[in-house]
Amino acid sequence: TKDLAFRGSFIKAGQRALMRIAESLVGSRLIAVAGALESVDTLYNGAAVLFDGKILGFARKRYLFCCGGFDEARYFSAGERPLVIETDKFRAVVTIGNDFGYPAFPGGVELLINLWNEPYQYGRRLLKERMLIERAREDAVAMVIASPVGGQDCMIFEGASAVVDGFGELAARGSSFSEDLVMADLDLRALKAYRSRVLPAPRNDSHHLAK
């Protein structure tokens, strides 16, 4: 199944699924982020930002992983810059996988959303959560890490999605090895005020989606 990304029918089926999700959001005022392949002049490992029946844009993975069971460079081109969602309430950056581990995401964001699909390794979840907490404290950014659950070929995915507030506290964690709905309240207004006191002026090196 590793070469499904080369099948046009598979890509089109994914696009139809995205539109169904987008259409389900009409009138809800909810913004959704869903993992997806973006096919333009080339193929990107991406995440679609959905709102009110529309696909507003795609975040494209920048740092492709080519180790173990992954060979992303075989299928995908690398993205050039992160994607920022900007509303009158908050600014969020959308990243994918190991893009999270690099410092080069825009300043001035209160929330980082990451789609993390690392296969299960014993003890890895606690290490991942420590990384989240350290990064949240360092950059004063709340973090949402959404992880899949289930199996694909020889890989098993744990789930255990997590939310860390911008002060470095674990706000919520999903179940391991079963689907779960993870919810958390984040005070992004207080976090924004805190950031303005302790961090330098934001960088401007991203592609923005205004909503």
N, C-alpha and C. Protein backbone atom coordinates (compact mmCIF):
# COMPACT_ATOMS: atom_id res chain seq x y z
N THR A 1 0.81 -1.22 0.00
CA THR A 1 0.00 0.00 0.00
C THR A 1 0.85 1.27 0.00
N LYS A 2 2.17 1.14 0.00
CA LYS A 2 3.01 2.32 0.14
C LYS A 2 2.97 3.23 -1.07
N ASP A 3 2.57 2.71 -2.23
CA ASP A 3 2.56 3.52 -3.44
C ASP A 3 1.18 4.06 -3.78
N LEU A 4 0.27 4.08 -2.80
CA LEU A 4 -1.05 4.65 -3.05
C LEU A 4 -0.97 6.11 -3.46
N ALA A 5 0.05 6.81 -2.98
CA ALA A 5 0.19 8.23 -3.30
C ALA A 5 0.44 8.45 -4.78
N PHE A 6 0.81 7.39 -5.51
CA PHE A 6 1.03 7.53 -6.95
C PHE A 6 -0.24 7.26 -7.75
N ARG A 7 -1.33 6.91 -7.09
CA ARG A 7 -2.57 6.59 -7.78
C ARG A 7 -3.50 7.81 -7.80
N GLY A 8 -3.86 8.22 -8.99
CA GLY A 8 -4.75 9.37 -9.10
C GLY A 8 -6.08 9.13 -8.43
N SER A 9 -6.60 7.91 -8.48
CA SER A 9 -7.89 7.61 -7.86
C SER A 9 -7.83 7.79 -6.35
N PHE A 10 -6.70 7.45 -5.76
CA PHE A 10 -6.54 7.60 -4.30
C PHE A 10 -6.51 9.08 -3.92
N ILE A 11 -5.80 9.89 -4.69
CA ILE A 11 -5.72 11.32 -4.41
C ILE A 11 -7.10 11.97 -4.57
N LYS A 12 -7.83 11.59 -5.61
CA LYS A 12 -9.17 12.16 -5.83
C LYS A 12 -10.13 11.75 -4.71
N ALA A 13 -10.01 10.51 -4.23
CA ALA A 13 -10.86 10.07 -3.13
C ALA A 13 -10.58 10.89 -1.87
N GLY A 14 -9.31 11.19 -1.64
CA GLY A 14 -8.95 12.03 -0.51
C GLY A 14 -9.51 13.43 -0.63
N GLN A 15 -9.50 13.97 -1.83
CA GLN A 15 -10.04 15.31 -2.05
C GLN A 15 -11.55 15.34 -1.82
N ARG A 16 -12.23 14.29 -2.25
CA ARG A 16 -13.68 14.23 -2.01
C ARG A 16 -13.99 14.14 -0.52
N ALA A 17 -13.17 13.36 0.21
CA ALA A 17 -13.36 13.25 1.66
C ALA A 17 -13.15 14.59 2.34
N LEU A 18 -12.15 15.34 1.89
CA LEU A 18 -11.92 16.68 2.46
C LEU A 18 -13.12 17.58 2.25
N MET A 19 -13.69 17.54 1.07
CA MET A 19 -14.84 18.40 0.78
C MET A 19 -16.04 18.01 1.64
N ARG A 20 -16.20 16.71 1.91
CA ARG A 20 -17.31 16.30 2.78
C ARG A 20 -17.11 16.85 4.20
N ILE A 21 -15.88 16.83 4.67
CA ILE A 21 -15.61 17.39 6.00
C ILE A 21 -15.87 18.90 5.99
N ALA A 22 -15.37 19.57 4.95
CA ALA A 22 -15.56 21.03 4.85
C ALA A 22 -17.05 21.38 4.82
N GLU A 23 -17.82 20.63 4.06
CA GLU A 23 -19.25 20.91 3.94
C GLU A 23 -19.98 20.68 5.26
N SER A 24 -19.47 19.75 6.08
CA SER A 24 -20.10 19.50 7.38
C SER A 24 -19.89 20.65 8.35
N LEU A 25 -18.97 21.56 8.03
CA LEU A 25 -18.67 22.69 8.92
C LEU A 25 -19.49 23.93 8.61
N VAL A 26 -20.28 23.89 7.56
CA VAL A 26 -21.05 25.08 7.16
C VAL A 26 -21.92 25.56 8.32
N GLY A 27 -21.78 26.85 8.66
CA GLY A 27 -22.58 27.45 9.71
C GLY A 27 -22.12 27.16 11.12
N SER A 28 -21.06 26.38 11.28
CA SER A 28 -20.63 25.98 12.63
C SER A 28 -19.64 26.94 13.26
N ARG A 29 -18.98 27.76 12.47
CA ARG A 29 -17.92 28.66 12.92
C ARG A 29 -16.68 27.91 13.39
N LEU A 30 -16.59 26.63 13.07
CA LEU A 30 -15.43 25.83 13.46
C LEU A 30 -14.39 25.82 12.35
N ILE A 31 -13.12 25.83 12.75
CA ILE A 31 -12.01 25.64 11.83
C ILE A 31 -11.47 24.24 12.05
N ALA A 32 -11.29 23.47 10.99
CA ALA A 32 -10.77 22.11 11.10
C ALA A 32 -9.46 22.00 10.33
N VAL A 33 -8.56 21.17 10.85
CA VAL A 33 -7.30 20.87 10.17
C VAL A 33 -7.26 19.36 9.95
N ALA A 34 -7.10 18.95 8.70
CA ALA A 34 -7.14 17.53 8.37
C ALA A 34 -5.94 17.16 7.50
N GLY A 35 -5.31 16.05 7.82
CA GLY A 35 -4.20 15.57 7.00
C GLY A 35 -4.67 15.24 5.60
N ALA A 36 -3.87 15.60 4.60
CA ALA A 36 -4.28 15.41 3.21
C ALA A 36 -3.07 15.51 2.29
N LEU A 37 -3.19 14.88 1.13
CA LEU A 37 -2.21 15.07 0.07
C LEU A 37 -2.66 16.25 -0.79
N GLU A 38 -1.73 17.13 -1.11
CA GLU A 38 -2.03 18.24 -2.01
C GLU A 38 -1.33 17.98 -3.34
N SER A 39 -2.11 17.89 -4.39
CA SER A 39 -1.58 17.63 -5.72
C SER A 39 -1.77 18.87 -6.57
N VAL A 40 -0.65 19.50 -6.92
CA VAL A 40 -0.67 20.65 -7.83
C VAL A 40 0.27 20.31 -8.98
N ASP A 41 1.35 21.06 -9.15
CA ASP A 41 2.35 20.69 -10.14
C ASP A 41 3.21 19.53 -9.63
N THR A 42 3.15 19.29 -8.33
CA THR A 42 3.85 18.18 -7.69
C THR A 42 2.98 17.71 -6.53
N LEU A 43 3.49 16.78 -5.72
CA LEU A 43 2.71 16.22 -4.62
C LEU A 43 3.32 16.62 -3.29
N TYR A 44 2.48 17.06 -2.36
CA TYR A 44 2.94 17.47 -1.04
C TYR A 44 2.25 16.65 0.04
N ASN A 45 3.01 16.33 1.08
CA ASN A 45 2.43 15.79 2.30
C ASN A 45 1.90 16.99 3.07
N GLY A 46 0.59 17.06 3.25
CA GLY A 46 0.04 18.32 3.74
C GLY A 46 -1.04 18.16 4.78
N ALA A 47 -1.56 19.31 5.17
CA ALA A 47 -2.71 19.41 6.07
C ALA A 47 -3.61 20.50 5.53
N ALA A 48 -4.87 20.19 5.34
CA ALA A 48 -5.82 21.15 4.80
C ALA A 48 -6.50 21.90 5.94
N VAL A 49 -6.67 23.21 5.76
CA VAL A 49 -7.41 24.05 6.71
C VAL A 49 -8.80 24.26 6.13
N LEU A 50 -9.83 23.84 6.89
CA LEU A 50 -11.20 23.82 6.39
C LEU A 50 -12.07 24.75 7.22
N PHE A 51 -12.96 25.48 6.53
CA PHE A 51 -13.86 26.40 7.23
C PHE A 51 -15.08 26.69 6.37
N ASP A 52 -16.26 26.52 6.95
CA ASP A 52 -17.51 26.96 6.34
C ASP A 52 -17.68 26.45 4.91
N GLY A 53 -17.38 25.17 4.71
CA GLY A 53 -17.59 24.56 3.40
C GLY A 53 -16.47 24.73 2.41
N LYS A 54 -15.38 25.33 2.84
CA LYS A 54 -14.27 25.62 1.91
C LYS A 54 -12.95 25.06 2.44
N ILE A 55 -12.07 24.77 1.50
CA ILE A 55 -10.67 24.47 1.82
C ILE A 55 -9.91 25.79 1.68
N LEU A 56 -9.49 26.35 2.80
CA LEU A 56 -8.84 27.67 2.78
C LEU A 56 -7.40 27.59 2.28
N GLY A 57 -6.74 26.47 2.53
CA GLY A 57 -5.36 26.34 2.12
C GLY A 57 -4.73 25.09 2.68
N PHE A 58 -3.48 24.88 2.32
CA PHE A 58 -2.74 23.69 2.75
C PHE A 58 -1.43 24.09 3.42
N ALA A 59 -1.15 23.44 4.53
CA ALA A 59 0.21 23.47 5.07
C ALA A 59 0.98 22.33 4.41
N ARG A 60 2.20 22.61 4.00
CA ARG A 60 3.02 21.61 3.32
C ARG A 60 4.21 21.23 4.19
N LYS A 61 4.41 19.93 4.36
CA LYS A 61 5.52 19.48 5.19
C LYS A 61 6.84 19.90 4.56
N ARG A 62 7.71 20.46 5.40
CA ARG A 62 8.97 21.02 4.89
C ARG A 62 10.14 20.07 5.06
N TYR A 63 10.20 19.37 6.20
CA TYR A 63 11.34 18.50 6.49
C TYR A 63 10.91 17.05 6.30
N LEU A 64 11.21 16.51 5.14
CA LEU A 64 10.77 15.16 4.78
C LEU A 64 11.60 14.12 5.51
N PHE A 65 10.93 13.07 5.97
CA PHE A 65 11.55 12.03 6.78
C PHE A 65 11.86 10.84 5.89
N CYS A 66 13.08 10.38 5.90
CA CYS A 66 13.51 9.28 5.05
C CYS A 66 14.33 8.30 5.88
N CYS A 67 13.64 7.56 6.75
CA CYS A 67 14.31 6.64 7.65
C CYS A 67 13.31 5.57 8.07
N GLY A 68 13.80 4.36 8.34
CA GLY A 68 12.93 3.29 8.78
C GLY A 68 11.88 2.97 7.74
N GLY A 69 10.60 2.99 8.13
CA GLY A 69 9.53 2.66 7.20
C GLY A 69 9.07 3.83 6.36
N PHE A 70 9.72 4.98 6.48
CA PHE A 70 9.30 6.17 5.75
C PHE A 70 10.34 6.54 4.70
N ASP A 71 9.86 6.91 3.53
CA ASP A 71 10.72 7.45 2.48
C ASP A 71 9.93 8.56 1.79
N GLU A 72 9.72 9.64 2.53
CA GLU A 72 8.84 10.69 2.03
C GLU A 72 9.36 11.36 0.77
N ALA A 73 10.68 11.43 0.63
CA ALA A 73 11.24 12.09 -0.55
C ALA A 73 10.90 11.31 -1.83
N ARG A 74 10.55 10.04 -1.70
CA ARG A 74 10.15 9.24 -2.87
C ARG A 74 8.83 9.74 -3.45
N TYR A 75 7.98 10.29 -2.57
CA TYR A 75 6.63 10.67 -2.99
C TYR A 75 6.40 12.17 -3.06
N PHE A 76 7.05 12.91 -2.15
CA PHE A 76 6.64 14.29 -1.94
C PHE A 76 7.76 15.28 -2.23
N SER A 77 7.34 16.48 -2.60
CA SER A 77 8.24 17.62 -2.61
C SER A 77 8.13 18.32 -1.26
N ALA A 78 9.16 19.05 -0.89
CA ALA A 78 9.19 19.73 0.40
C ALA A 78 8.51 21.09 0.30
N GLY A 79 7.74 21.44 1.32
CA GLY A 79 7.16 22.78 1.38
C GLY A 79 8.23 23.81 1.67
N GLU A 80 7.90 25.07 1.45
CA GLU A 80 8.89 26.13 1.59
C GLU A 80 8.74 26.94 2.87
N ARG A 81 7.52 27.03 3.41
CA ARG A 81 7.31 27.87 4.58
C ARG A 81 6.08 27.38 5.34
N PRO A 82 6.00 27.70 6.61
CA PRO A 82 4.85 27.26 7.39
C PRO A 82 3.59 28.04 7.04
N LEU A 83 2.46 27.51 7.45
CA LEU A 83 1.17 28.14 7.18
C LEU A 83 0.59 28.68 8.48
N VAL A 84 0.20 29.94 8.47
CA VAL A 84 -0.38 30.58 9.65
C VAL A 84 -1.85 30.86 9.41
N ILE A 85 -2.67 30.47 10.39
CA ILE A 85 -4.09 30.83 10.40
C ILE A 85 -4.23 32.07 11.28
N GLU A 86 -4.78 33.12 10.73
CA GLU A 86 -4.91 34.37 11.48
C GLU A 86 -6.37 34.76 11.59
N THR A 87 -6.87 34.87 12.81
CA THR A 87 -8.24 35.30 13.06
C THR A 87 -8.21 36.51 14.00
N ASP A 88 -9.40 37.03 14.31
CA ASP A 88 -9.45 38.14 15.27
C ASP A 88 -9.28 37.65 16.70
N LYS A 89 -9.20 36.33 16.89
CA LYS A 89 -9.05 35.75 18.23
C LYS A 89 -7.63 35.26 18.51
N PHE A 90 -6.95 34.72 17.49
CA PHE A 90 -5.64 34.11 17.71
C PHE A 90 -4.90 33.95 16.38
N ARG A 91 -3.61 33.63 16.50
CA ARG A 91 -2.80 33.25 15.34
C ARG A 91 -2.24 31.86 15.63
N ALA A 92 -2.38 30.96 14.67
CA ALA A 92 -1.91 29.58 14.84
C ALA A 92 -1.07 29.18 13.65
N VAL A 93 -0.05 28.38 13.88
CA VAL A 93 0.77 27.84 12.80
C VAL A 93 0.48 26.35 12.70
N VAL A 94 0.35 25.85 11.47
CA VAL A 94 0.06 24.44 11.21
C VAL A 94 1.33 23.78 10.69
N THR A 95 1.75 22.71 11.36
CA THR A 95 2.94 21.99 10.95
C THR A 95 2.63 20.49 10.88
N ILE A 96 3.54 19.74 10.27
CA ILE A 96 3.33 18.32 10.06
C ILE A 96 4.57 17.55 10.50
N GLY A 97 4.36 16.52 11.32
CA GLY A 97 5.43 15.62 11.70
C GLY A 97 6.63 16.32 12.30
N ASN A 98 7.81 15.97 11.81
CA ASN A 98 9.03 16.48 12.42
C ASN A 98 9.32 17.94 12.07
N ASP A 99 8.44 18.61 11.34
CA ASP A 99 8.53 20.08 11.24
C ASP A 99 8.45 20.70 12.63
N PHE A 100 7.73 20.03 13.52
CA PHE A 100 7.57 20.52 14.89
C PHE A 100 8.90 20.74 15.59
N GLY A 101 9.89 19.89 15.30
CA GLY A 101 11.13 19.93 16.04
C GLY A 101 12.09 21.02 15.63
N TYR A 102 11.75 21.79 14.60
CA TYR A 102 12.66 22.83 14.11
C TYR A 102 12.19 24.19 14.61
N PRO A 103 13.14 25.08 14.92
CA PRO A 103 12.76 26.37 15.49
C PRO A 103 12.19 27.36 14.48
N ALA A 104 12.31 27.05 13.19
CA ALA A 104 11.97 28.05 12.18
C ALA A 104 10.48 28.07 11.87
N PHE A 105 9.65 28.39 12.86
CA PHE A 105 8.26 28.71 12.57
C PHE A 105 8.02 30.14 13.01
N PRO A 106 7.00 30.80 12.47
CA PRO A 106 6.86 32.24 12.68
C PRO A 106 6.67 32.59 14.14
N GLY A 107 7.21 33.72 14.53
CA GLY A 107 6.91 34.26 15.84
C GLY A 107 5.53 34.89 15.83
N GLY A 108 5.07 35.27 17.01
CA GLY A 108 3.79 35.95 17.11
C GLY A 108 2.59 35.04 17.04
N VAL A 109 2.79 33.72 17.10
CA VAL A 109 1.66 32.81 17.13
C VAL A 109 1.44 32.33 18.56
N GLU A 110 0.18 32.12 18.90
CA GLU A 110 -0.15 31.62 20.24
C GLU A 110 -0.38 30.12 20.27
N LEU A 111 -0.58 29.52 19.08
CA LEU A 111 -0.96 28.11 19.02
C LEU A 111 -0.23 27.42 17.89
N LEU A 112 0.34 26.26 18.17
CA LEU A 112 0.95 25.42 17.15
C LEU A 112 0.13 24.15 17.03
N ILE A 113 -0.30 23.83 15.82
CA ILE A 113 -1.07 22.61 15.54
C ILE A 113 -0.19 21.69 14.71
N ASN A 114 0.04 20.48 15.19
CA ASN A 114 0.92 19.55 14.50
C ASN A 114 0.22 18.21 14.31
N LEU A 115 0.28 17.70 13.08
CA LEU A 115 -0.21 16.34 12.79
C LEU A 115 0.99 15.41 12.86
N TRP A 116 1.00 14.57 13.87
CA TRP A 116 2.17 13.75 14.23
C TRP A 116 1.83 12.28 13.98
N ASN A 117 2.50 11.64 13.02
CA ASN A 117 2.15 10.26 12.69
C ASN A 117 3.30 9.29 12.92
N GLU A 118 4.05 9.51 13.98
CA GLU A 118 5.17 8.64 14.28
C GLU A 118 4.67 7.27 14.76
N PRO A 119 5.20 6.16 14.23
CA PRO A 119 4.79 4.83 14.70
C PRO A 119 5.14 4.63 16.17
N TYR A 120 4.39 3.74 16.79
CA TYR A 120 4.56 3.48 18.21
C TYR A 120 5.94 2.91 18.54
N GLN A 121 6.55 3.45 19.57
CA GLN A 121 7.75 2.89 20.18
C GLN A 121 7.56 2.93 21.69
N TYR A 122 7.96 1.88 22.36
CA TYR A 122 7.80 1.82 23.81
C TYR A 122 8.54 3.00 24.47
N GLY A 123 7.86 3.73 25.31
CA GLY A 123 8.45 4.86 26.02
C GLY A 123 8.51 6.16 25.25
N ARG A 124 8.15 6.12 23.96
CA ARG A 124 8.28 7.31 23.12
C ARG A 124 7.27 8.38 23.50
N ARG A 125 6.07 7.98 23.96
CA ARG A 125 5.05 8.97 24.27
C ARG A 125 5.51 9.94 25.35
N LEU A 126 6.12 9.43 26.40
CA LEU A 126 6.58 10.31 27.47
C LEU A 126 7.67 11.25 26.98
N LEU A 127 8.55 10.74 26.11
CA LEU A 127 9.58 11.60 25.54
C LEU A 127 8.97 12.69 24.68
N LYS A 128 7.95 12.32 23.89
CA LYS A 128 7.27 13.31 23.05
C LYS A 128 6.63 14.39 23.91
N GLU A 129 5.97 13.99 24.98
CA GLU A 129 5.31 14.98 25.83
C GLU A 129 6.32 15.89 26.51
N ARG A 130 7.47 15.36 26.89
CA ARG A 130 8.50 16.22 27.47
C ARG A 130 8.98 17.24 26.46
N MET A 131 9.13 16.81 25.19
CA MET A 131 9.53 17.74 24.14
C MET A 131 8.48 18.84 23.96
N LEU A 132 7.21 18.47 23.99
CA LEU A 132 6.14 19.45 23.86
C LEU A 132 6.19 20.47 24.98
N ILE A 133 6.34 19.99 26.20
CA ILE A 133 6.36 20.88 27.35
C ILE A 133 7.53 21.84 27.29
N GLU A 134 8.71 21.31 26.95
CA GLU A 134 9.89 22.17 26.85
C GLU A 134 9.74 23.22 25.76
N ARG A 135 9.22 22.79 24.62
CA ARG A 135 9.04 23.73 23.51
C ARG A 135 7.99 24.78 23.84
N ALA A 136 6.90 24.37 24.49
CA ALA A 136 5.86 25.32 24.86
C ALA A 136 6.40 26.38 25.81
N ARG A 137 7.19 25.96 26.79
CA ARG A 137 7.76 26.91 27.74
C ARG A 137 8.76 27.84 27.06
N GLU A 138 9.56 27.29 26.17
CA GLU A 138 10.60 28.09 25.51
C GLU A 138 10.01 29.18 24.64
N ASP A 139 8.96 28.85 23.89
CA ASP A 139 8.40 29.78 22.92
C ASP A 139 7.08 30.39 23.35
N ALA A 140 6.58 30.00 24.55
CA ALA A 140 5.29 30.49 25.04
C ALA A 140 4.20 30.28 23.99
N VAL A 141 4.11 29.06 23.49
CA VAL A 141 3.15 28.68 22.47
C VAL A 141 2.36 27.47 22.96
N ALA A 142 1.05 27.56 22.93
CA ALA A 142 0.23 26.38 23.21
C ALA A 142 0.34 25.41 22.04
N MET A 143 0.27 24.11 22.32
CA MET A 143 0.51 23.11 21.29
C MET A 143 -0.57 22.04 21.29
N VAL A 144 -1.04 21.72 20.09
CA VAL A 144 -1.97 20.62 19.89
C VAL A 144 -1.29 19.61 18.97
N ILE A 145 -1.10 18.40 19.46
CA ILE A 145 -0.48 17.34 18.67
C ILE A 145 -1.53 16.27 18.42
N ALA A 146 -1.94 16.12 17.16
CA ALA A 146 -2.96 15.15 16.78
C ALA A 146 -2.28 13.94 16.16
N SER A 147 -2.50 12.77 16.74
CA SER A 147 -1.81 11.56 16.30
C SER A 147 -2.82 10.49 15.91
N PRO A 148 -2.55 9.72 14.85
CA PRO A 148 -3.48 8.67 14.44
C PRO A 148 -3.39 7.45 15.34
N VAL A 149 -4.41 6.61 15.24
CA VAL A 149 -4.42 5.36 16.00
C VAL A 149 -4.80 4.23 15.03
N GLY A 150 -4.17 3.08 15.21
CA GLY A 150 -4.46 1.95 14.35
C GLY A 150 -3.19 1.40 13.71
N GLY A 151 -3.36 0.63 12.64
CA GLY A 151 -2.22 0.01 11.99
C GLY A 151 -2.22 0.25 10.49
N GLN A 152 -1.04 0.25 9.92
CA GLN A 152 -0.88 0.39 8.46
C GLN A 152 0.39 -0.34 8.07
N ASP A 153 0.24 -1.38 7.25
CA ASP A 153 1.36 -2.26 6.90
C ASP A 153 2.00 -2.80 8.18
N CYS A 154 3.29 -2.55 8.36
CA CYS A 154 3.99 -3.09 9.53
C CYS A 154 4.04 -2.10 10.68
N MET A 155 3.34 -0.99 10.58
CA MET A 155 3.44 0.05 11.60
C MET A 155 2.17 0.14 12.43
N ILE A 156 2.34 0.43 13.71
CA ILE A 156 1.24 0.62 14.65
C ILE A 156 1.31 2.04 15.19
N PHE A 157 0.16 2.70 15.27
CA PHE A 157 0.11 4.08 15.76
C PHE A 157 -0.71 4.12 17.05
N GLU A 158 -0.16 4.81 18.05
CA GLU A 158 -0.73 4.78 19.39
C GLU A 158 -1.89 5.73 19.60
N GLY A 159 -1.94 6.81 18.88
CA GLY A 159 -2.89 7.86 19.21
C GLY A 159 -2.32 8.73 20.31
N ALA A 160 -2.99 8.81 21.44
CA ALA A 160 -2.51 9.61 22.59
C ALA A 160 -2.22 11.05 22.18
N SER A 161 -3.13 11.65 21.43
CA SER A 161 -3.00 13.07 21.07
C SER A 161 -2.93 13.90 22.35
N ALA A 162 -2.28 15.05 22.27
CA ALA A 162 -2.03 15.83 23.48
C ALA A 162 -2.20 17.32 23.22
N VAL A 163 -2.54 18.03 24.30
CA VAL A 163 -2.63 19.49 24.28
C VAL A 163 -1.78 20.01 25.44
N VAL A 164 -0.88 20.93 25.13
CA VAL A 164 -0.03 21.56 26.15
C VAL A 164 -0.29 23.06 26.10
N ASP A 165 -0.54 23.66 27.25
CA ASP A 165 -0.77 25.11 27.23
C ASP A 165 0.56 25.85 27.05
N GLY A 166 0.47 27.15 26.81
CA GLY A 166 1.66 27.92 26.51
C GLY A 166 2.59 28.15 27.67
N PHE A 167 2.20 27.67 28.85
CA PHE A 167 3.04 27.81 30.03
C PHE A 167 3.71 26.49 30.41
N GLY A 168 3.55 25.48 29.52
CA GLY A 168 4.26 24.23 29.72
C GLY A 168 3.55 23.21 30.58
N GLU A 169 2.22 23.27 30.64
CA GLU A 169 1.46 22.29 31.41
C GLU A 169 0.64 21.43 30.46
N LEU A 170 0.62 20.12 30.71
CA LEU A 170 -0.19 19.21 29.91
C LEU A 170 -1.66 19.44 30.22
N ALA A 171 -2.41 19.94 29.24
CA ALA A 171 -3.81 20.29 29.45
C ALA A 171 -4.75 19.12 29.19
N ALA A 172 -4.37 18.22 28.28
CA ALA A 172 -5.22 17.07 27.95
C ALA A 172 -4.40 16.04 27.20
N ARG A 173 -4.83 14.78 27.33
CA ARG A 173 -4.18 13.69 26.60
C ARG A 173 -5.24 12.69 26.17
N GLY A 174 -5.15 12.22 24.94
CA GLY A 174 -6.09 11.22 24.45
C GLY A 174 -5.70 9.81 24.87
N SER A 175 -6.60 8.89 24.64
CA SER A 175 -6.37 7.49 24.97
C SER A 175 -5.30 6.89 24.06
N SER A 176 -4.66 5.85 24.56
CA SER A 176 -3.70 5.09 23.76
C SER A 176 -4.40 3.90 23.12
N PHE A 177 -4.15 3.70 21.83
CA PHE A 177 -4.62 2.54 21.07
C PHE A 177 -6.15 2.46 20.98
N SER A 178 -6.82 3.59 21.09
CA SER A 178 -8.26 3.65 20.82
C SER A 178 -8.60 5.08 20.43
N GLU A 179 -9.61 5.23 19.57
CA GLU A 179 -10.02 6.56 19.14
C GLU A 179 -10.57 7.34 20.33
N ASP A 180 -10.35 8.64 20.30
CA ASP A 180 -10.75 9.47 21.44
C ASP A 180 -11.01 10.89 20.96
N LEU A 181 -11.86 11.59 21.68
CA LEU A 181 -12.10 13.02 21.46
C LEU A 181 -11.40 13.77 22.57
N VAL A 182 -10.43 14.60 22.20
CA VAL A 182 -9.62 15.33 23.18
C VAL A 182 -10.04 16.79 23.16
N MET A 183 -10.40 17.32 24.32
CA MET A 183 -10.83 18.72 24.40
C MET A 183 -10.07 19.42 25.51
N ALA A 184 -9.77 20.69 25.30
CA ALA A 184 -9.08 21.49 26.31
C ALA A 184 -9.41 22.96 26.10
N ASP A 185 -9.51 23.70 27.18
CA ASP A 185 -9.69 25.15 27.14
C ASP A 185 -8.32 25.81 27.28
N LEU A 186 -7.99 26.69 26.35
CA LEU A 186 -6.71 27.40 26.38
C LEU A 186 -6.97 28.90 26.46
N ASP A 187 -6.31 29.56 27.37
CA ASP A 187 -6.46 31.01 27.53
C ASP A 187 -5.41 31.69 26.64
N LEU A 188 -5.73 31.81 25.36
CA LEU A 188 -4.77 32.38 24.42
C LEU A 188 -4.62 33.88 24.59
N ARG A 189 -5.62 34.53 25.15
CA ARG A 189 -5.51 35.98 25.41
C ARG A 189 -4.44 36.25 26.47
N ALA A 190 -4.48 35.47 27.55
CA ALA A 190 -3.46 35.62 28.60
C ALA A 190 -2.09 35.24 28.06
N LEU A 191 -2.05 34.23 27.22
CA LEU A 191 -0.78 33.80 26.64
C LEU A 191 -0.20 34.88 25.73
N LYS A 192 -1.06 35.53 24.95
CA LYS A 192 -0.60 36.61 24.07
C LYS A 192 0.00 37.75 24.87
N ALA A 193 -0.63 38.11 25.98
CA ALA A 193 -0.11 39.18 26.84
C ALA A 193 1.24 38.77 27.44
N TYR A 194 1.34 37.53 27.85
CA TYR A 194 2.59 37.03 28.41
C TYR A 194 3.70 37.05 27.37
N ARG A 195 3.39 36.62 26.15
CA ARG A 195 4.38 36.60 25.06
C ARG A 195 4.92 38.00 24.79
N SER A 196 4.04 38.99 24.80
CA SER A 196 4.47 40.35 24.49
C SER A 196 5.45 40.88 25.53
N ARG A 197 5.41 40.31 26.73
CA ARG A 197 6.32 40.76 27.78
C ARG A 197 7.66 40.06 27.74
N VAL A 198 7.68 38.80 27.32
CA VAL A 198 8.90 38.00 27.50
C VAL A 198 9.62 37.63 26.21
N LEU A 199 8.96 37.80 25.05
CA LEU A 199 9.58 37.38 23.80
C LEU A 199 9.86 38.56 22.90
N PRO A 200 10.86 38.43 22.00
CA PRO A 200 11.17 39.51 21.06
C PRO A 200 10.07 39.67 20.02
N ALA A 201 10.22 40.69 19.19
CA ALA A 201 9.23 40.96 18.14
C ALA A 201 9.12 39.77 17.21
N PRO A 202 7.91 39.46 16.70
CA PRO A 202 7.72 38.28 15.85
C PRO A 202 8.40 38.40 14.51
N ARG A 203 8.76 37.21 13.98
CA ARG A 203 9.31 37.13 12.64
C ARG A 203 8.17 37.12 11.63
N ASN A 204 8.49 37.36 10.37
CA ASN A 204 7.46 37.34 9.32
C ASN A 204 7.99 36.50 8.16
N ASP A 205 7.88 35.17 8.31
CA ASP A 205 8.45 34.27 7.31
C ASP A 205 7.47 33.16 6.99
N SER A 206 6.18 33.52 6.83
CA SER A 206 5.18 32.49 6.67
C SER A 206 4.16 32.90 5.62
N HIS A 207 3.32 31.93 5.27
CA HIS A 207 2.18 32.17 4.40
C HIS A 207 0.95 32.24 5.28
N HIS A 208 0.13 33.27 5.12
CA HIS A 208 -0.98 33.52 6.04
C HIS A 208 -2.31 33.18 5.42
N LEU A 209 -3.21 32.65 6.25
CA LEU A 209 -4.61 32.51 5.91
C LEU A 209 -5.39 33.39 6.85
N ALA A 210 -6.05 34.41 6.35
CA ALA A 210 -6.88 35.25 7.19
C ALA A 210 -8.30 34.71 7.14
N LYS A 211 -8.95 34.71 8.29
CA LYS A 211 -10.33 34.23 8.36
C LYS A 211 -11.19 35.23 9.11
